[in-house]
Protein backbone atom coordinates (compact mmCIF):
# COMPACT_ATOMS: atom_id res chain seq x y z
CA MET A 1 16.31 -13.78 10.63
CA PRO A 2 15.33 -10.58 12.69
CA ASN A 3 12.03 -10.77 14.74
CA GLN A 4 9.05 -11.82 12.60
CA ASP A 5 6.57 -9.73 15.21
CA LEU A 6 8.55 -6.47 14.92
CA ASP A 7 5.81 -3.73 15.67
CA PRO A 8 5.33 -1.97 12.17
CA ILE A 9 4.90 1.49 13.40
CA GLU A 10 8.54 1.60 15.57
CA VAL A 11 10.19 4.51 14.74
CA MET A 12 12.85 3.81 12.01
CA PRO A 13 14.67 6.18 9.75
CA ALA A 14 13.61 5.79 6.22
CA LEU A 15 15.90 4.03 3.80
CA SER A 16 18.52 6.13 2.49
CA ASP A 17 19.19 6.54 -1.69
CA THR A 18 22.00 3.69 -1.19
CA GLU A 19 19.79 1.21 1.08
CA MET A 20 16.80 1.88 -1.61
CA ASP A 21 19.16 0.87 -4.71
CA GLU A 22 20.68 -2.19 -2.15
CA LEU A 23 16.78 -3.08 -1.74
CA ASP A 24 16.62 -3.03 -5.21
CA SER A 25 19.07 -5.19 -6.67
CA PHE A 26 18.72 -7.99 -4.03
CA LEU A 27 15.11 -8.26 -5.39
CA MET A 28 16.02 -7.94 -9.08
CA SER A 29 19.19 -10.72 -8.16
CA ASP A 30 19.40 -14.53 -8.63
CA ALA A 31 18.63 -14.98 -5.03
CA THR A 32 15.01 -14.27 -5.49
CA SER A 33 12.54 -16.24 -7.99
CA ASN A 34 10.89 -14.38 -10.74
CA GLU A 35 7.85 -14.18 -8.92
CA VAL A 36 9.28 -11.68 -6.30
CA MET A 37 7.83 -7.81 -6.05
CA LEU A 38 10.35 -5.62 -7.62
CA LEU A 39 10.78 -2.09 -5.82
CA ASP A 40 7.92 -0.24 -7.20
CA CYS A 41 5.45 -3.55 -7.02
CA LEU A 42 6.69 -4.10 -3.51
CA ASP A 43 5.98 -0.62 -2.34
CA GLY A 44 2.45 -0.80 -3.89
CA PHE A 45 1.91 -4.11 -1.46
CA LEU A 46 3.52 -2.39 1.44
CA THR A 47 1.01 0.56 1.25
CA ALA A 48 -1.93 -1.29 0.60
CA LEU A 49 -1.11 -2.96 4.27
CA VAL A 50 -0.80 0.50 5.60
CA SER A 51 -3.53 2.33 4.79
CA GLY A 52 -5.67 -0.41 4.97
CA PRO A 53 -7.64 -2.42 7.53
CA PRO A 54 -5.39 -3.96 10.55
CA MET A 55 -2.67 -5.63 8.59
CA PRO A 56 -1.53 -9.13 8.92
CA LYS A 57 1.40 -10.59 10.76
CA GLN A 58 4.90 -9.79 9.14
CA ASN A 59 5.74 -13.37 8.55
CA GLU A 60 2.02 -14.18 6.37
CA TRP A 61 2.74 -10.41 4.22
CA LEU A 62 6.57 -11.10 4.19
CA ALA A 63 6.41 -14.18 2.54
CA ARG A 64 4.33 -12.91 -0.12
CA VAL A 65 7.17 -10.27 -0.66
CA TRP A 66 8.77 -12.93 -2.18
CA GLY A 67 5.85 -15.07 -4.13
CA PRO A 68 2.90 -16.73 -3.94
CA SER A 69 3.98 -20.26 -2.81
CA ALA A 70 6.58 -21.39 -0.31
CA GLU A 71 9.05 -22.43 -3.20
CA ASP A 72 9.07 -18.82 -3.89
CA ALA A 73 11.10 -17.73 -0.89
CA PRO A 74 14.71 -16.45 -1.43
CA THR A 75 18.04 -18.16 -0.86
CA PHE A 76 20.50 -15.54 1.41
CA GLU A 77 23.89 -15.81 1.56
CA SER A 78 23.88 -16.24 5.22
CA PRO A 79 21.54 -15.07 8.54
CA VAL A 80 22.87 -11.70 8.47
CA GLN A 81 22.22 -10.86 4.90
CA ALA A 82 18.63 -11.77 5.31
CA GLU A 83 18.42 -9.80 8.69
CA LYS A 84 19.81 -6.95 6.67
CA ILE A 85 17.32 -7.64 3.78
CA VAL A 86 13.93 -8.05 6.09
CA GLY A 87 15.29 -4.97 8.00
CA LEU A 88 14.92 -2.61 5.16
CA ILE A 89 12.12 -4.04 3.54
CA THR A 90 10.49 -3.39 7.31
CA ARG A 91 12.40 0.29 7.59
CA HIS A 92 10.75 0.84 4.29
CA LEU A 93 7.17 -0.38 5.68
CA ASN A 94 8.00 1.92 8.70
CA ALA A 95 8.58 4.94 6.78
CA ILE A 96 5.11 4.64 4.30
CA VAL A 97 3.33 4.63 7.88
CA TRP A 98 5.39 7.93 9.21
CA ASN A 99 4.42 9.62 6.13
CA LEU A 100 1.11 8.47 6.38
CA GLN A 101 0.45 9.34 9.57
CA GLN A 102 2.26 12.57 9.39
CA GLU A 103 1.35 14.14 5.53
CA PRO A 104 -0.89 11.79 3.84
CA GLU A 105 -1.68 14.82 1.72
CA TYR A 106 1.53 14.68 0.62
CA PHE A 107 2.45 10.82 0.11
CA GLU A 108 4.85 9.91 -2.50
CA PRO A 109 4.44 6.44 -3.93
CA VAL A 110 7.56 4.58 -5.78
CA PHE A 111 6.31 4.63 -8.95
CA ASP A 112 8.29 3.44 -12.16
CA MET A 113 9.40 5.77 -15.27
CA GLN A 114 9.27 4.45 -18.83
CA VAL A 115 10.46 5.84 -22.00
CA TYR A 116 9.71 4.17 -25.50
CA LEU A 117 11.08 4.35 -28.52
CA ASP A 118 10.23 7.25 -30.82
CA ASP A 119 9.16 8.76 -28.29
CA GLU A 120 10.89 11.62 -26.39
CA ARG A 121 8.77 11.85 -23.46
CA GLU A 122 9.35 10.23 -20.12
CA TYR A 123 6.22 8.70 -18.59
CA ILE A 124 4.99 7.93 -14.71
CA ASP A 125 3.58 4.58 -14.75
CA GLY A 126 2.16 3.45 -11.76
CA GLU A 127 0.90 0.34 -13.22
CA MET A 128 3.47 -2.30 -11.07
CA TRP A 129 2.66 -0.21 -7.77
CA ALA A 130 -0.86 -0.95 -8.32
CA HIS A 131 -0.60 -4.12 -8.83
CA GLY A 132 0.86 -4.50 -5.60
CA TYR A 133 -1.66 -2.56 -3.48
CA MET A 134 -3.77 -4.81 -5.10
CA ILE A 135 -2.51 -7.84 -4.48
CA GLY A 136 -2.44 -6.37 -0.71
CA ILE A 137 -6.36 -5.79 -0.69
CA ASN A 138 -6.33 -9.23 -1.88
CA MET A 139 -4.48 -10.91 0.96
CA GLN A 140 -7.30 -9.82 2.90
CA ARG A 141 -9.91 -9.05 0.47
CA ASP A 142 -12.92 -9.56 3.05
CA SER A 143 -11.50 -7.36 5.44
CA TRP A 144 -11.57 -4.56 3.17
CA LYS A 145 -15.47 -5.05 2.92
CA ALA A 146 -16.28 -1.82 4.34
CA LEU A 147 -14.67 0.31 2.30
CA PHE A 148 -16.10 -1.43 -1.15
CA GLU A 149 -19.17 -0.87 0.06
CA SER A 150 -18.63 2.57 1.29
CA LYS A 151 -20.27 5.58 -0.61
CA HIS A 152 -17.09 6.63 -2.29
CA GLY A 153 -14.78 3.60 -2.00
CA LEU A 154 -14.88 2.60 -5.25
CA GLU A 155 -14.47 5.39 -6.92
CA MET A 156 -11.22 6.63 -4.87
CA LEU A 157 -9.84 2.65 -5.55
CA LEU A 158 -10.61 3.20 -9.40
CA PRO A 159 -7.51 4.31 -10.77
CA ILE A 160 -5.41 1.70 -8.48
CA ARG A 161 -7.93 -1.00 -9.71
CA LEU A 162 -7.84 -0.10 -13.27
CA LEU A 163 -4.20 -0.14 -13.23
CA GLY A 164 -3.46 -2.95 -11.15
CA SER A 165 -6.09 -5.62 -11.47
CA ALA A 166 -6.56 -7.90 -13.50
CA ASP A 167 -10.04 -8.28 -12.93
CA VAL A 168 -11.23 -5.92 -15.42
CA SER A 169 -13.68 -5.73 -18.34
CA PRO A 170 -12.53 -5.24 -22.01
CA GLU A 171 -13.96 -1.57 -21.99
CA GLU A 172 -11.46 -0.98 -18.93
CA GLU A 173 -8.63 -2.79 -20.49
CA ALA A 174 -8.91 0.16 -22.56
CA LEU A 175 -8.70 2.49 -20.59
CA VAL A 176 -4.91 1.90 -19.91
CA ALA A 177 -3.66 0.90 -23.11
CA THR A 178 -1.17 3.85 -23.62
CA PRO A 179 1.42 5.65 -21.89
CA ALA A 180 -0.47 8.43 -21.62
CA GLN A 181 -3.47 6.64 -20.12
CA ARG A 182 -1.79 4.95 -17.52
CA GLU A 183 0.24 8.13 -16.37
CA GLU A 184 -3.16 10.34 -16.16
CA LEU A 185 -4.76 7.17 -14.02
CA SER A 186 -1.25 7.08 -11.84
CA LYS A 187 -1.52 11.26 -11.15
CA PRO A 188 -4.37 10.90 -8.70
CA ILE A 189 -3.55 7.64 -6.71
CA PRO A 190 -1.12 9.60 -4.12
CA ALA A 191 -4.70 11.18 -3.30
CA SER A 192 -6.69 7.82 -3.16
CA VAL A 193 -3.84 6.59 -0.42
CA ALA A 194 -4.41 9.38 1.43
CA TRP A 195 -8.00 9.06 1.55
CA ILE A 196 -8.10 5.22 2.01
CA TYR A 197 -5.58 5.46 4.88
CA LYS A 198 -8.22 8.09 6.75
CA PHE A 199 -11.11 5.91 6.16
CA TRP A 200 -9.53 2.89 7.95
CA ALA A 201 -8.35 5.04 10.57
CA PRO A 202 -10.65 4.58 12.92
CA GLN A 203 -10.31 0.51 12.86
CA ARG A 204 -6.98 0.86 12.81
CA SER A 205 -6.97 2.98 15.97
CA ALA A 206 -9.41 0.66 17.53
CA ALA A 207 -7.19 -2.33 16.70
CA ASP A 208 -4.31 -0.38 18.34
CA ARG A 209 -5.75 -0.10 21.35
CA ALA A 210 -6.97 -3.52 21.89
CA SER A 211 -3.31 -4.67 21.26
CA GLY A 212 -2.39 -2.23 23.69
CA LYS A 213 -0.19 -0.53 21.75
CA ILE A 214 -2.02 2.74 22.23
CA SER A 215 -4.15 4.55 25.11
CA GLU A 216 -7.78 4.85 24.88
CA ASN A 217 -7.73 8.68 24.57
CA GLU A 218 -5.32 8.55 21.45
CA ASN A 219 -6.16 8.80 17.80
CA PRO A 220 -9.92 8.77 18.50
CA LYS A 221 -12.58 7.67 16.06
CA ILE A 222 -13.87 10.01 13.74
CA SER A 223 -17.17 11.78 14.92
CA ARG A 224 -20.21 10.92 13.17
CA ASN A 225 -20.83 14.21 13.11
CA ALA A 226 -17.85 15.63 11.86
CA PRO A 227 -17.20 16.22 8.43
CA CYS A 228 -16.30 13.46 5.87
CA ILE A 229 -13.29 12.28 5.37
CA CYS A 230 -13.96 11.89 1.58
CA GLY A 231 -14.33 16.42 1.37
CA SER A 232 -18.08 16.35 0.19
CA GLY A 233 -18.65 18.86 2.80
CA ARG A 234 -21.71 16.39 4.40
CA LYS A 235 -21.57 14.74 8.02
CA PHE A 236 -19.68 11.73 8.25
CA LYS A 237 -22.71 9.73 9.18
CA LYS A 238 -24.67 10.89 6.09
CA CYS A 239 -21.59 10.52 3.68
CA CYS A 240 -19.29 7.86 3.64
CA GLY A 241 -20.28 6.77 7.37
CA ALA A 242 -23.70 6.01 6.38
CA SER A 243 -22.90 2.61 4.46
CA SER A 244 -19.01 1.89 6.54
CA ALA A 245 -18.78 -0.48 9.26
CA VAL A 246 -16.35 2.16 10.66
CA GLU A 247 -18.01 4.57 13.61
């Protein structure tokens, strides 16, 4: 097996289309359980890990990829295959990190496309992606408390929660009943991810400095007098920073 403590921000090339297909095929194969995350769900899960507060250790989150219990671990043909598949997952995670670090406003999630009988349209469907994102949140839900309590956090998380959470009201469930509704809720998700990533940037930077990954003069915290990351035009300390643990 590959090194379970591999630094998630190590620069690696993004997966090619062929490698994405290889990973997709493995996740859908008999080597994995029925509880494994498929590609769109996996992408959402990894995005939650890297866009939120400091992420758990690789051996912790990787186990959740295969399923909620230890019995869901995959059956690899060999150590070489295990290293290859885990390497593909890690590289995909790193590509998400790089995308969010460089151009968060242009983040592109891996959404499913759905076609229905008697309907010529092809619909964008972020439901399973959002389900993966919510699994990522729930892995360390207490650590997400600052976002839940911030002024705009729940608002920005709303499309992801409506599509991906099992804990919704009947009224909220009605908002995702049709393909067109799910497509409309999927569209603002990239902007939500960018906002969430920026919200947690100070905490991630502080954790990286504490671990020695970056020096003190890299990735400075958001100034409380700077314009708020939500785009409201107000100062950070008077907006999202007012109820957030991030300073």
